[in-house]
Amino acid sequence: RERFEFGGRDVASWFPRHMAKGLRQMRLALRRADCLVERSHIPLSGRNPALQEALGIRPHVLVLNKMDLADPRRQPVSAGAGLGGRQRWCHRQPCPCSLQVVPMVARLVANGPRYHRAESSEHNILVIGVPNVGKSSLINSLRRLHLKKGKATAVGGEPGVTKAVLSRIQVCEKPPMYLVDTPGVLPPKLGDVETGMKLALCGAIRDHLVGEDIMADYLLYTLNKQQQFAYVQRYRLCQPCNHIEPLLKHVALIQGHTQKVKVLTGTGNVNMMMLSYPAAAYDFLRDFRAGRLGRVTLD
């Protein structure tokens, strides 16, 4: 396929109402922040333009997550990511980002004006990003590394675990550095449906809000467009598929995904076992997120 048909979908329904409150809280917390650490799975679509007005006046570190799942041929796109001025980016290679963040933040804060916080030796860092990109995991990792203490904030595999802006969490003593975990927030108006679809594939939007079937179809379109055919071997196909239905049918067959369905006949209701396409679509998405379909960069 040369292009993907989204069928006139409205992305407004993908923005949960609690995110509007979280966005207001974050804007208030920005006033007390010396630096921003932004966590992202994907370098362009994974960033929230609603927070861009704050980035120009404070040091800003972009931490790109899941680099081990990114296509190495497309990483130069990630490296740029539109950063400039007092903004920096770091990632998992050649050393873990948890080793880079604290020294990088300390240098940025030391080299820039702190305005009303100039007399304080403490560094207040606001951790921001869209849902389910590992903000809480980063905080816990920094805390273990620099303070040798256990996790201080809850983490989860789905968006929406952090519901509100939390209190400060100390992650380092020299310099004294405190990080504030924030809820993942999507922009109230996504730029386009394709941006929303990329965020959904990375787990930033709950699958059921978008629809596993359309997500699986868009994923297949993206893999074919990028000549990423690892799914052919993964599911023991003869050749790449251009449409999602035969792929899901094959996945359901080899994985044994079936569901009981009642069928009305002339002699009454009959229970029949049919292939479960939703379960196959879920498997397809899960394999992508786990890196079992190859290293893919959506942007």
Foldseek 3Di string as FASTA:
>chain_A
DPDDDPPPDDCLLLFDPLQVVLVVQVVVVLVVAQEEEEFAQALALFFAVVCVVSPVQHQYEYEHEPPVQADPVPCVVNLPSPDDDNYYYDYPPPHHVLVVPPVSSVVSSVPDDPPPCVPPLEHEYEYATFFQRCSQVSQQVLQCVAVVDGRDADDDRAADRARHWDDWDFRHVVVTYTYIYGHHHHHSDRPDVLSVLVCVLLRSTDCVSSDLQVSLFVVLVQCVVVVQALVCVVLVHPDRDNGCVVVLVSQQVVVVAWDWDWDQDPVGTDTDIDGDSSVSSVVSSVCSNVSVSHRHHRD
